[in-house]
Amino acid sequence: TTSLNGTITVTPKVQTAFEISVSDTSLPVGGGSDITVAIPEKTGATNGIFTLKYDASKVKFENSMVCKALDGAMVEVNESEPGKITIAFIKNDGVLAGGDAVKLFFSGLTAGKTDVELYVTEFSKTPGFNKPMVIPTTAVNGTITVTPKKEISFDINGDGVINTSDLVLVKKCILIDPAITPEVMKKADINQNGVVNVLDLIRIVRYILG
């Protein structure tokens, strides 16, 4: 008889990396908006430390809010220096519901775009008193776009004075007077929503009345 040997190859188990992401947002100079750090669900993570880096000449960090994914956790959000924020959490019962973890609120300083780079220092779980188990992750950066502040001009006729003459022109635009030029129509759209209507009229009246 002839014996034929076989081979059994055992390959390491490949762990799927969980995605931790930062959302995108846009805001005008002088305005405000928020970005969100989101974490995956059912990881059981009990500890986490994230660092976010951004261009502090474009935006200013104002404050933060803990969201549902870290409900019941001890969370610390610290701006250690302009352009660098550290988020740390401890959740004894582990992260079971994913989604928004922390919202960060910013105000716009100068027009431009800044990447919000995410670095995951720690994302692990500690079953009982055992050694912490590292949870594999991938980090997805976000972007904040700061748009120029729109200048509002109530001088519809361009004579350097804002008075009832400008108010009359806005009324004519609303009534679609055929004598109105496209340039005047554009200036009369004071709130820049693409339509000249009573809202524009109200704004110029308030401006004239002070």
N, C-alpha and C. Protein backbone atom coordinates (compact mmCIF):
# COMPACT_ATOMS: atom_id res chain seq x y z
N THR A 1 0.84 -1.20 0.00
CA THR A 1 0.00 0.00 0.00
C THR A 1 0.88 1.25 0.00
N THR A 2 0.28 2.33 -0.44
CA THR A 2 1.01 3.61 -0.49
C THR A 2 0.27 4.62 0.34
N SER A 3 0.97 5.30 1.23
CA SER A 3 0.34 6.33 2.08
C SER A 3 0.66 7.71 1.51
N LEU A 4 -0.38 8.51 1.41
CA LEU A 4 -0.20 9.88 0.93
C LEU A 4 -0.49 10.85 2.07
N ASN A 5 0.51 11.61 2.41
CA ASN A 5 0.34 12.56 3.50
C ASN A 5 -0.39 13.82 3.02
N GLY A 6 -1.08 14.45 3.95
CA GLY A 6 -1.77 15.72 3.63
C GLY A 6 -1.19 16.85 4.47
N THR A 7 -1.65 18.04 4.16
CA THR A 7 -1.16 19.23 4.86
C THR A 7 -2.33 20.08 5.31
N ILE A 8 -2.26 20.53 6.53
CA ILE A 8 -3.26 21.46 7.05
C ILE A 8 -2.54 22.77 7.35
N THR A 9 -3.01 23.82 6.71
CA THR A 9 -2.41 25.14 6.93
C THR A 9 -3.37 26.00 7.75
N VAL A 10 -2.89 26.48 8.86
CA VAL A 10 -3.70 27.35 9.73
C VAL A 10 -3.24 28.79 9.53
N THR A 11 -4.13 29.62 9.02
CA THR A 11 -3.80 31.03 8.80
C THR A 11 -4.31 31.88 9.95
N PRO A 12 -3.60 32.92 10.24
CA PRO A 12 -4.06 33.81 11.34
C PRO A 12 -5.41 34.42 11.01
N LYS A 13 -6.21 34.61 12.02
CA LYS A 13 -7.51 35.25 11.84
C LYS A 13 -7.31 36.73 11.54
N VAL A 14 -7.92 37.18 10.45
CA VAL A 14 -7.80 38.58 10.08
C VAL A 14 -8.91 39.37 10.76
N GLN A 15 -8.51 40.35 11.57
CA GLN A 15 -9.49 41.17 12.26
C GLN A 15 -9.87 42.37 11.39
N THR A 16 -11.13 42.59 11.25
CA THR A 16 -11.60 43.73 10.49
C THR A 16 -11.39 45.00 11.29
N ALA A 17 -10.82 46.01 10.64
CA ALA A 17 -10.58 47.28 11.32
C ALA A 17 -11.86 48.09 11.37
N PHE A 18 -12.15 48.64 12.52
CA PHE A 18 -13.33 49.48 12.68
C PHE A 18 -12.99 50.92 12.28
N GLU A 19 -13.92 51.57 11.61
CA GLU A 19 -13.67 52.92 11.11
C GLU A 19 -14.11 53.98 12.12
N ILE A 20 -13.20 54.85 12.46
CA ILE A 20 -13.50 56.03 13.28
C ILE A 20 -13.32 57.24 12.38
N SER A 21 -14.34 58.07 12.29
CA SER A 21 -14.33 59.12 11.26
C SER A 21 -14.66 60.50 11.81
N VAL A 22 -14.22 61.50 11.05
CA VAL A 22 -14.54 62.90 11.34
C VAL A 22 -15.35 63.43 10.16
N SER A 23 -16.45 64.12 10.44
CA SER A 23 -17.31 64.62 9.38
C SER A 23 -16.73 65.90 8.77
N ASP A 24 -17.29 66.30 7.62
CA ASP A 24 -16.93 67.54 6.96
C ASP A 24 -17.96 68.62 7.30
N THR A 25 -17.55 69.87 7.20
CA THR A 25 -18.49 70.97 7.37
C THR A 25 -17.96 72.20 6.67
N SER A 26 -18.82 73.20 6.50
CA SER A 26 -18.41 74.50 5.97
C SER A 26 -19.08 75.59 6.78
N LEU A 27 -18.43 76.72 6.87
CA LEU A 27 -18.95 77.84 7.64
C LEU A 27 -18.35 79.13 7.10
N PRO A 28 -19.04 80.25 7.25
CA PRO A 28 -18.49 81.51 6.77
C PRO A 28 -17.55 82.12 7.79
N VAL A 29 -16.73 83.05 7.35
CA VAL A 29 -15.90 83.82 8.27
C VAL A 29 -16.82 84.53 9.27
N GLY A 30 -16.55 84.36 10.54
CA GLY A 30 -17.39 84.96 11.58
C GLY A 30 -18.57 84.10 11.98
N GLY A 31 -18.82 83.04 11.23
CA GLY A 31 -19.93 82.14 11.54
C GLY A 31 -19.46 80.93 12.30
N GLY A 32 -20.38 80.01 12.58
CA GLY A 32 -20.03 78.82 13.33
C GLY A 32 -20.65 77.57 12.76
N SER A 33 -20.04 76.43 13.05
CA SER A 33 -20.57 75.13 12.64
C SER A 33 -19.87 74.06 13.48
N ASP A 34 -20.25 72.80 13.27
CA ASP A 34 -19.66 71.73 14.06
C ASP A 34 -19.23 70.57 13.18
N ILE A 35 -18.29 69.79 13.69
CA ILE A 35 -17.92 68.53 13.08
C ILE A 35 -18.19 67.44 14.11
N THR A 36 -18.32 66.21 13.64
CA THR A 36 -18.65 65.10 14.52
C THR A 36 -17.61 63.99 14.42
N VAL A 37 -17.18 63.49 15.56
CA VAL A 37 -16.34 62.30 15.60
C VAL A 37 -17.27 61.12 15.83
N ALA A 38 -17.27 60.18 14.90
CA ALA A 38 -18.18 59.01 14.98
C ALA A 38 -17.38 57.74 15.20
N ILE A 39 -17.92 56.85 16.03
CA ILE A 39 -17.27 55.57 16.31
C ILE A 39 -18.23 54.44 15.95
N PRO A 40 -17.68 53.25 15.64
CA PRO A 40 -18.53 52.12 15.24
C PRO A 40 -19.25 51.50 16.43
N GLU A 41 -20.31 50.75 16.13
CA GLU A 41 -21.09 50.13 17.19
C GLU A 41 -20.58 48.73 17.53
N LYS A 42 -20.99 48.27 18.69
CA LYS A 42 -20.73 46.90 19.15
C LYS A 42 -19.25 46.52 19.17
N THR A 43 -18.39 47.50 19.43
CA THR A 43 -16.97 47.17 19.58
C THR A 43 -16.65 46.75 21.00
N GLY A 44 -17.49 47.19 21.95
CA GLY A 44 -17.22 46.88 23.35
C GLY A 44 -16.07 47.69 23.92
N ALA A 45 -15.65 48.74 23.18
CA ALA A 45 -14.51 49.54 23.63
C ALA A 45 -14.80 50.20 24.97
N THR A 46 -13.84 50.08 25.88
CA THR A 46 -13.98 50.71 27.19
C THR A 46 -13.08 51.92 27.35
N ASN A 47 -12.09 52.03 26.48
CA ASN A 47 -11.13 53.14 26.56
C ASN A 47 -10.83 53.68 25.17
N GLY A 48 -10.66 54.98 25.10
CA GLY A 48 -10.31 55.57 23.82
C GLY A 48 -9.61 56.91 23.99
N ILE A 49 -8.61 57.16 23.17
CA ILE A 49 -7.94 58.45 23.13
C ILE A 49 -7.74 58.83 21.67
N PHE A 50 -8.30 59.97 21.27
CA PHE A 50 -8.18 60.44 19.90
C PHE A 50 -7.56 61.84 19.91
N THR A 51 -6.78 62.14 18.90
CA THR A 51 -6.22 63.47 18.73
C THR A 51 -6.62 64.02 17.37
N LEU A 52 -7.07 65.26 17.35
CA LEU A 52 -7.43 65.91 16.10
C LEU A 52 -6.53 67.13 15.90
N LYS A 53 -5.99 67.27 14.69
CA LYS A 53 -5.13 68.40 14.37
C LYS A 53 -5.72 69.15 13.18
N TYR A 54 -5.66 70.49 13.25
CA TYR A 54 -6.24 71.33 12.21
C TYR A 54 -5.49 72.66 12.17
N ASP A 55 -5.79 73.47 11.17
CA ASP A 55 -5.14 74.76 11.01
C ASP A 55 -5.84 75.81 11.88
N ALA A 56 -5.20 76.21 12.96
CA ALA A 56 -5.81 77.16 13.90
C ALA A 56 -5.88 78.58 13.34
N SER A 57 -5.26 78.84 12.20
CA SER A 57 -5.39 80.16 11.59
C SER A 57 -6.68 80.28 10.80
N LYS A 58 -7.31 79.13 10.49
CA LYS A 58 -8.56 79.12 9.72
C LYS A 58 -9.79 79.06 10.63
N VAL A 59 -9.72 78.26 11.68
CA VAL A 59 -10.87 78.08 12.57
C VAL A 59 -10.44 78.12 14.03
N LYS A 60 -11.40 78.45 14.89
CA LYS A 60 -11.16 78.48 16.33
C LYS A 60 -12.11 77.52 17.02
N PHE A 61 -11.56 76.66 17.88
CA PHE A 61 -12.38 75.73 18.64
C PHE A 61 -13.12 76.49 19.74
N GLU A 62 -14.44 76.26 19.83
CA GLU A 62 -15.26 76.97 20.80
C GLU A 62 -15.68 76.09 21.98
N ASN A 63 -16.34 74.96 21.69
CA ASN A 63 -16.77 74.06 22.76
C ASN A 63 -17.12 72.70 22.17
N SER A 64 -17.59 71.81 23.04
CA SER A 64 -17.87 70.44 22.59
C SER A 64 -19.13 69.91 23.27
N MET A 65 -19.65 68.81 22.72
CA MET A 65 -20.83 68.17 23.30
C MET A 65 -20.71 66.66 23.12
N VAL A 66 -20.92 65.92 24.19
CA VAL A 66 -20.89 64.45 24.12
C VAL A 66 -22.21 63.96 23.52
N CYS A 67 -22.11 63.00 22.61
CA CYS A 67 -23.29 62.50 21.90
C CYS A 67 -23.65 61.08 22.36
N LYS A 68 -24.65 60.51 21.71
CA LYS A 68 -25.28 59.28 22.16
C LYS A 68 -24.33 58.09 22.28
N ALA A 69 -23.39 57.97 21.36
CA ALA A 69 -22.51 56.79 21.37
C ALA A 69 -21.70 56.69 22.66
N LEU A 70 -21.42 57.83 23.30
CA LEU A 70 -20.66 57.82 24.55
C LEU A 70 -21.52 58.22 25.74
N ASP A 71 -22.82 58.01 25.61
CA ASP A 71 -23.73 58.31 26.71
C ASP A 71 -23.37 57.45 27.93
N GLY A 72 -23.19 58.09 29.07
CA GLY A 72 -22.83 57.36 30.28
C GLY A 72 -21.33 57.19 30.48
N ALA A 73 -20.53 57.65 29.54
CA ALA A 73 -19.08 57.51 29.64
C ALA A 73 -18.47 58.74 30.32
N MET A 74 -17.27 58.56 30.87
CA MET A 74 -16.48 59.69 31.34
C MET A 74 -15.71 60.20 30.13
N VAL A 75 -15.96 61.45 29.75
CA VAL A 75 -15.36 62.01 28.53
C VAL A 75 -14.66 63.31 28.86
N GLU A 76 -13.45 63.46 28.35
CA GLU A 76 -12.71 64.71 28.50
C GLU A 76 -12.27 65.20 27.14
N VAL A 77 -12.62 66.45 26.83
CA VAL A 77 -12.21 67.08 25.57
C VAL A 77 -11.31 68.25 25.94
N ASN A 78 -10.07 68.23 25.45
CA ASN A 78 -9.09 69.22 25.87
C ASN A 78 -8.35 69.79 24.67
N GLU A 79 -8.37 71.12 24.55
CA GLU A 79 -7.56 71.78 23.53
C GLU A 79 -6.20 72.09 24.16
N SER A 80 -5.25 71.20 23.96
CA SER A 80 -3.95 71.33 24.60
C SER A 80 -3.16 72.50 24.04
N GLU A 81 -3.42 72.85 22.79
CA GLU A 81 -2.79 74.00 22.14
C GLU A 81 -3.63 74.33 20.91
N PRO A 82 -3.55 75.57 20.41
CA PRO A 82 -4.34 75.91 19.21
C PRO A 82 -4.03 74.95 18.07
N GLY A 83 -5.07 74.35 17.51
CA GLY A 83 -4.89 73.42 16.41
C GLY A 83 -4.75 71.97 16.83
N LYS A 84 -4.92 71.69 18.11
CA LYS A 84 -4.78 70.30 18.59
C LYS A 84 -5.79 70.04 19.71
N ILE A 85 -6.67 69.07 19.47
CA ILE A 85 -7.69 68.69 20.46
C ILE A 85 -7.53 67.21 20.79
N THR A 86 -7.59 66.90 22.07
CA THR A 86 -7.53 65.50 22.52
C THR A 86 -8.87 65.12 23.12
N ILE A 87 -9.38 63.97 22.69
CA ILE A 87 -10.63 63.42 23.24
C ILE A 87 -10.29 62.09 23.92
N ALA A 88 -10.64 61.96 25.18
CA ALA A 88 -10.40 60.71 25.91
C ALA A 88 -11.69 60.26 26.57
N PHE A 89 -11.94 58.95 26.55
CA PHE A 89 -13.15 58.45 27.22
C PHE A 89 -12.89 57.13 27.92
N ILE A 90 -13.67 56.89 28.96
CA ILE A 90 -13.71 55.60 29.66
C ILE A 90 -15.18 55.22 29.79
N LYS A 91 -15.53 54.04 29.33
CA LYS A 91 -16.92 53.57 29.42
C LYS A 91 -16.89 52.14 29.94
N ASN A 92 -17.20 51.98 31.21
CA ASN A 92 -17.03 50.69 31.87
C ASN A 92 -17.82 49.56 31.22
N ASP A 93 -19.02 49.86 30.73
CA ASP A 93 -19.83 48.81 30.12
C ASP A 93 -19.57 48.67 28.61
N GLY A 94 -18.62 49.43 28.09
CA GLY A 94 -18.23 49.29 26.69
C GLY A 94 -19.17 49.99 25.73
N VAL A 95 -18.64 50.33 24.57
CA VAL A 95 -19.43 50.98 23.51
C VAL A 95 -20.24 49.93 22.77
N LEU A 96 -21.55 50.03 22.86
CA LEU A 96 -22.43 49.08 22.18
C LEU A 96 -23.23 49.76 21.07
N ALA A 97 -23.52 51.03 21.26
CA ALA A 97 -24.27 51.77 20.24
C ALA A 97 -23.33 52.74 19.56
N GLY A 98 -23.09 52.54 18.27
CA GLY A 98 -22.18 53.41 17.54
C GLY A 98 -22.87 54.67 17.07
N GLY A 99 -22.13 55.47 16.31
CA GLY A 99 -22.67 56.72 15.78
C GLY A 99 -21.88 57.90 16.29
N ASP A 100 -22.57 59.04 16.40
CA ASP A 100 -21.91 60.26 16.86
C ASP A 100 -21.42 60.10 18.29
N ALA A 101 -20.14 60.40 18.49
CA ALA A 101 -19.55 60.30 19.83
C ALA A 101 -19.37 61.67 20.46
N VAL A 102 -18.78 62.59 19.71
CA VAL A 102 -18.52 63.94 20.21
C VAL A 102 -18.71 64.95 19.08
N LYS A 103 -19.38 66.06 19.39
CA LYS A 103 -19.48 67.17 18.45
C LYS A 103 -18.52 68.27 18.90
N LEU A 104 -17.80 68.83 17.94
CA LEU A 104 -16.86 69.91 18.22
C LEU A 104 -17.32 71.14 17.45
N PHE A 105 -17.47 72.24 18.16
CA PHE A 105 -17.99 73.47 17.55
C PHE A 105 -16.85 74.44 17.27
N PHE A 106 -16.86 75.00 16.05
CA PHE A 106 -15.82 75.91 15.62
C PHE A 106 -16.42 77.21 15.09
N SER A 107 -15.62 78.27 15.11
CA SER A 107 -15.98 79.52 14.45
C SER A 107 -14.95 79.79 13.36
N GLY A 108 -15.39 80.43 12.28
CA GLY A 108 -14.51 80.69 11.15
C GLY A 108 -13.68 81.95 11.35
N LEU A 109 -12.37 81.87 11.07
CA LEU A 109 -11.47 83.01 11.23
C LEU A 109 -11.08 83.61 9.89
N THR A 110 -10.52 82.79 9.00
CA THR A 110 -10.11 83.27 7.68
C THR A 110 -10.56 82.27 6.63
N ALA A 111 -10.83 82.79 5.44
CA ALA A 111 -11.31 81.93 4.36
C ALA A 111 -10.25 80.92 3.93
N GLY A 112 -10.69 79.72 3.61
CA GLY A 112 -9.79 78.67 3.18
C GLY A 112 -10.29 77.31 3.63
N LYS A 113 -9.45 76.31 3.50
CA LYS A 113 -9.83 74.95 3.85
C LYS A 113 -8.75 74.34 4.75
N THR A 114 -9.20 73.61 5.76
CA THR A 114 -8.26 72.90 6.62
C THR A 114 -8.70 71.46 6.79
N ASP A 115 -7.76 70.54 6.66
CA ASP A 115 -8.04 69.15 6.99
C ASP A 115 -8.08 68.99 8.50
N VAL A 116 -8.97 68.14 8.97
CA VAL A 116 -8.99 67.78 10.39
C VAL A 116 -8.44 66.36 10.47
N GLU A 117 -7.18 66.26 10.84
CA GLU A 117 -6.50 64.96 10.86
C GLU A 117 -6.79 64.23 12.17
N LEU A 118 -7.21 62.98 12.03
CA LEU A 118 -7.57 62.16 13.19
C LEU A 118 -6.49 61.12 13.47
N TYR A 119 -6.05 61.08 14.72
CA TYR A 119 -5.07 60.08 15.15
C TYR A 119 -5.67 59.30 16.32
N VAL A 120 -5.67 57.97 16.18
CA VAL A 120 -6.22 57.12 17.23
C VAL A 120 -5.05 56.60 18.08
N THR A 121 -4.92 57.16 19.30
CA THR A 121 -3.85 56.73 20.20
C THR A 121 -4.22 55.43 20.90
N GLU A 122 -5.50 55.33 21.29
CA GLU A 122 -5.97 54.13 21.98
C GLU A 122 -7.43 53.88 21.67
N PHE A 123 -7.76 52.64 21.39
CA PHE A 123 -9.15 52.20 21.25
C PHE A 123 -9.14 50.73 21.65
N SER A 124 -9.53 50.45 22.90
CA SER A 124 -9.36 49.09 23.44
C SER A 124 -10.49 48.74 24.38
N LYS A 125 -10.51 47.46 24.75
CA LYS A 125 -11.47 47.01 25.75
C LYS A 125 -10.76 46.16 26.79
N THR A 126 -11.25 46.26 28.01
CA THR A 126 -10.64 45.53 29.12
C THR A 126 -11.68 44.64 29.76
N PRO A 127 -11.74 43.37 29.38
CA PRO A 127 -12.72 42.45 30.00
C PRO A 127 -12.32 42.13 31.43
N GLY A 128 -13.14 42.54 32.37
CA GLY A 128 -12.82 42.28 33.78
C GLY A 128 -11.53 42.97 34.17
N PHE A 129 -10.59 42.20 34.75
CA PHE A 129 -9.30 42.76 35.13
C PHE A 129 -8.20 42.22 34.22
N ASN A 130 -8.59 41.77 33.05
CA ASN A 130 -7.62 41.21 32.12
C ASN A 130 -6.83 42.32 31.43
N LYS A 131 -5.85 41.92 30.66
CA LYS A 131 -5.03 42.85 29.91
C LYS A 131 -5.87 43.50 28.81
N PRO A 132 -5.73 44.81 28.60
CA PRO A 132 -6.51 45.49 27.55
C PRO A 132 -6.28 44.86 26.18
N MET A 133 -7.37 44.72 25.43
CA MET A 133 -7.31 44.18 24.08
C MET A 133 -7.46 45.33 23.09
N VAL A 134 -6.46 45.50 22.24
CA VAL A 134 -6.49 46.58 21.27
C VAL A 134 -7.50 46.26 20.17
N ILE A 135 -8.35 47.22 19.85
CA ILE A 135 -9.33 47.05 18.77
C ILE A 135 -8.77 47.72 17.53
N PRO A 136 -8.58 46.97 16.44
CA PRO A 136 -8.01 47.55 15.23
C PRO A 136 -8.93 48.61 14.63
N THR A 137 -8.35 49.73 14.23
CA THR A 137 -9.15 50.84 13.70
C THR A 137 -8.49 51.46 12.47
N THR A 138 -9.30 52.12 11.68
CA THR A 138 -8.81 52.99 10.62
C THR A 138 -9.39 54.38 10.87
N ALA A 139 -8.59 55.40 10.65
CA ALA A 139 -9.03 56.78 10.91
C ALA A 139 -9.34 57.47 9.59
N VAL A 140 -10.48 58.16 9.55
CA VAL A 140 -10.90 58.90 8.37
C VAL A 140 -10.94 60.38 8.72
N ASN A 141 -10.13 61.17 8.03
CA ASN A 141 -10.04 62.59 8.33
C ASN A 141 -11.26 63.35 7.83
N GLY A 142 -11.47 64.53 8.37
CA GLY A 142 -12.54 65.42 7.93
C GLY A 142 -11.97 66.70 7.36
N THR A 143 -12.86 67.57 6.89
CA THR A 143 -12.44 68.85 6.30
C THR A 143 -13.37 69.96 6.76
N ILE A 144 -12.80 71.10 7.10
CA ILE A 144 -13.59 72.30 7.40
C ILE A 144 -13.27 73.34 6.33
N THR A 145 -14.30 73.81 5.65
CA THR A 145 -14.13 74.85 4.63
C THR A 145 -14.71 76.15 5.16
N VAL A 146 -13.88 77.18 5.17
CA VAL A 146 -14.32 78.51 5.64
C VAL A 146 -14.52 79.40 4.42
N THR A 147 -15.73 79.85 4.21
CA THR A 147 -16.05 80.68 3.04
C THR A 147 -15.98 82.16 3.41
N PRO A 148 -15.68 83.02 2.43
CA PRO A 148 -15.61 84.46 2.72
C PRO A 148 -16.95 84.99 3.21
N LYS A 149 -16.89 85.97 4.07
CA LYS A 149 -18.10 86.59 4.58
C LYS A 149 -18.73 87.45 3.49
N LYS A 150 -20.01 87.22 3.25
CA LYS A 150 -20.71 87.98 2.21
C LYS A 150 -21.02 89.39 2.71
N GLU A 151 -20.64 90.35 1.89
CA GLU A 151 -20.93 91.74 2.24
C GLU A 151 -22.34 92.09 1.79
N ILE A 152 -23.11 92.65 2.69
CA ILE A 152 -24.48 93.04 2.38
C ILE A 152 -24.50 94.53 2.06
N SER A 153 -25.00 94.89 0.88
CA SER A 153 -25.10 96.29 0.49
C SER A 153 -26.56 96.67 0.30
N PHE A 154 -26.96 97.76 0.95
CA PHE A 154 -28.33 98.25 0.80
C PHE A 154 -28.40 99.42 -0.20
N ASP A 155 -27.23 99.79 -0.75
CA ASP A 155 -27.18 100.89 -1.70
C ASP A 155 -27.53 100.35 -3.09
N ILE A 156 -28.81 100.23 -3.37
CA ILE A 156 -29.27 99.57 -4.60
C ILE A 156 -28.95 100.40 -5.84
N ASN A 157 -29.12 101.72 -5.75
CA ASN A 157 -28.90 102.56 -6.93
C ASN A 157 -27.45 103.04 -7.07
N GLY A 158 -26.61 102.69 -6.10
CA GLY A 158 -25.19 102.99 -6.20
C GLY A 158 -24.82 104.44 -6.08
N ASP A 159 -25.64 105.25 -5.41
CA ASP A 159 -25.33 106.68 -5.28
C ASP A 159 -24.58 107.00 -4.00
N GLY A 160 -24.24 105.98 -3.22
CA GLY A 160 -23.48 106.19 -2.00
C GLY A 160 -24.32 106.53 -0.80
N VAL A 161 -25.64 106.61 -0.98
CA VAL A 161 -26.55 106.93 0.12
C VAL A 161 -27.66 105.88 0.16
N ILE A 162 -28.00 105.44 1.35
CA ILE A 162 -29.07 104.45 1.50
C ILE A 162 -30.30 105.17 2.03
N ASN A 163 -31.32 105.27 1.19
CA ASN A 163 -32.53 106.00 1.58
C ASN A 163 -33.75 105.41 0.86
N THR A 164 -34.83 106.18 0.82
CA THR A 164 -36.08 105.68 0.24
C THR A 164 -35.96 105.40 -1.26
N SER A 165 -35.00 106.02 -1.95
CA SER A 165 -34.79 105.74 -3.38
C SER A 165 -34.43 104.27 -3.58
N ASP A 166 -33.60 103.75 -2.69
CA ASP A 166 -33.23 102.34 -2.76
C ASP A 166 -34.44 101.46 -2.42
N LEU A 167 -35.24 101.91 -1.47
CA LEU A 167 -36.44 101.18 -1.08
C LEU A 167 -37.41 101.07 -2.25
N VAL A 168 -37.55 102.15 -3.01
CA VAL A 168 -38.45 102.16 -4.17
C VAL A 168 -37.97 101.16 -5.23
N LEU A 169 -36.66 101.10 -5.42
CA LEU A 169 -36.12 100.16 -6.40
C LEU A 169 -36.41 98.71 -6.02
N VAL A 170 -36.30 98.39 -4.73
CA VAL A 170 -36.61 97.03 -4.27
C VAL A 170 -38.07 96.70 -4.55
N LYS A 171 -38.96 97.67 -4.29
CA LYS A 171 -40.39 97.47 -4.57
C LYS A 171 -40.63 97.21 -6.05
N LYS A 172 -39.93 97.97 -6.91
CA LYS A 172 -40.08 97.79 -8.35
C LYS A 172 -39.59 96.40 -8.79
N CYS A 173 -38.55 95.93 -8.16
CA CYS A 173 -38.05 94.58 -8.47
C CYS A 173 -39.07 93.52 -8.09
N ILE A 174 -39.71 93.70 -6.95
CA ILE A 174 -40.74 92.75 -6.51
C ILE A 174 -41.91 92.74 -7.49
N LEU A 175 -42.26 93.93 -8.01
CA LEU A 175 -43.39 94.05 -8.96
C LEU A 175 -42.96 93.74 -10.39
N ILE A 176 -41.67 93.37 -10.56
CA ILE A 176 -41.10 93.02 -11.87
C ILE A 176 -41.34 94.16 -12.87
N ASP A 177 -40.89 95.33 -12.50
CA ASP A 177 -40.95 96.49 -13.40
C ASP A 177 -40.02 96.24 -14.58
N PRO A 178 -40.51 96.37 -15.81
CA PRO A 178 -39.68 96.09 -17.00
C PRO A 178 -38.50 97.03 -17.15
N ALA A 179 -38.53 98.16 -16.44
CA ALA A 179 -37.43 99.12 -16.55
C ALA A 179 -36.24 98.73 -15.67
N ILE A 180 -36.42 97.77 -14.81
CA ILE A 180 -35.35 97.35 -13.90
C ILE A 180 -34.30 96.53 -14.64
N THR A 181 -33.04 96.87 -14.47
CA THR A 181 -31.94 96.15 -15.13
C THR A 181 -31.55 94.92 -14.31
N PRO A 182 -30.90 93.95 -14.95
CA PRO A 182 -30.43 92.76 -14.21
C PRO A 182 -29.47 93.11 -13.07
N GLU A 183 -28.68 94.16 -13.25
CA GLU A 183 -27.74 94.57 -12.21
C GLU A 183 -28.47 95.06 -10.97
N VAL A 184 -29.51 95.87 -11.18
CA VAL A 184 -30.30 96.36 -10.05
C VAL A 184 -31.04 95.21 -9.38
N MET A 185 -31.56 94.29 -10.18
CA MET A 185 -32.26 93.12 -9.64
C MET A 185 -31.34 92.30 -8.74
N LYS A 186 -30.09 92.17 -9.16
CA LYS A 186 -29.12 91.41 -8.36
C LYS A 186 -28.83 92.11 -7.04
N LYS A 187 -28.68 93.46 -7.09
CA LYS A 187 -28.40 94.21 -5.86
C LYS A 187 -29.60 94.19 -4.91
N ALA A 188 -30.81 94.15 -5.48
CA ALA A 188 -32.02 94.17 -4.65
C ALA A 188 -32.23 92.85 -3.91
N ASP A 189 -31.56 91.80 -4.35
CA ASP A 189 -31.64 90.51 -3.65
C ASP A 189 -30.70 90.58 -2.44
N ILE A 190 -31.12 91.29 -1.43
CA ILE A 190 -30.26 91.62 -0.29
C ILE A 190 -29.83 90.38 0.49
N ASN A 191 -30.74 89.44 0.69
CA ASN A 191 -30.37 88.23 1.44
C ASN A 191 -29.75 87.15 0.56
N GLN A 192 -29.57 87.46 -0.73
CA GLN A 192 -28.83 86.61 -1.67
C GLN A 192 -29.36 85.18 -1.72
N ASN A 193 -30.70 85.08 -1.79
CA ASN A 193 -31.31 83.75 -1.92
C ASN A 193 -31.82 83.49 -3.33
N GLY A 194 -31.52 84.40 -4.26
CA GLY A 194 -31.90 84.20 -5.65
C GLY A 194 -33.26 84.77 -6.02
N VAL A 195 -33.98 85.34 -5.05
CA VAL A 195 -35.32 85.88 -5.30
C VAL A 195 -35.45 87.22 -4.59
N VAL A 196 -36.01 88.22 -5.28
CA VAL A 196 -36.29 89.50 -4.64
C VAL A 196 -37.74 89.48 -4.17
N ASN A 197 -37.94 89.56 -2.87
CA ASN A 197 -39.30 89.50 -2.34
C ASN A 197 -39.42 90.38 -1.10
N VAL A 198 -40.51 90.19 -0.37
CA VAL A 198 -40.79 91.04 0.79
C VAL A 198 -39.72 90.92 1.88
N LEU A 199 -39.00 89.81 1.93
CA LEU A 199 -37.94 89.66 2.93
C LEU A 199 -36.82 90.67 2.69
N ASP A 200 -36.49 90.90 1.42
CA ASP A 200 -35.48 91.91 1.10
C ASP A 200 -35.99 93.31 1.44
N LEU A 201 -37.27 93.51 1.19
CA LEU A 201 -37.89 94.81 1.49
C LEU A 201 -37.84 95.10 2.99
N ILE A 202 -38.13 94.09 3.79
CA ILE A 202 -38.12 94.24 5.25
C ILE A 202 -36.71 94.60 5.74
N ARG A 203 -35.71 93.96 5.16
CA ARG A 203 -34.33 94.20 5.61
C ARG A 203 -33.89 95.63 5.34
N ILE A 204 -34.24 96.16 4.14
CA ILE A 204 -33.81 97.52 3.84
C ILE A 204 -34.61 98.55 4.63
N VAL A 205 -35.87 98.26 4.91
CA VAL A 205 -36.68 99.15 5.76
C VAL A 205 -36.07 99.23 7.15
N ARG A 206 -35.71 98.08 7.71
CA ARG A 206 -35.11 98.05 9.05
C ARG A 206 -33.79 98.81 9.07
N TYR A 207 -33.03 98.67 7.98
CA TYR A 207 -31.74 99.36 7.92
C TYR A 207 -31.95 100.88 7.91
N ILE A 208 -32.89 101.35 7.09
CA ILE A 208 -33.16 102.79 6.99
C ILE A 208 -33.69 103.35 8.30
N LEU A 209 -34.54 102.58 8.97
CA LEU A 209 -35.12 103.04 10.24
C LEU A 209 -34.11 102.94 11.41
N GLY A 210 -33.06 102.17 11.16
CA GLY A 210 -32.04 102.03 12.21
C GLY A 210 -32.40 101.01 13.22
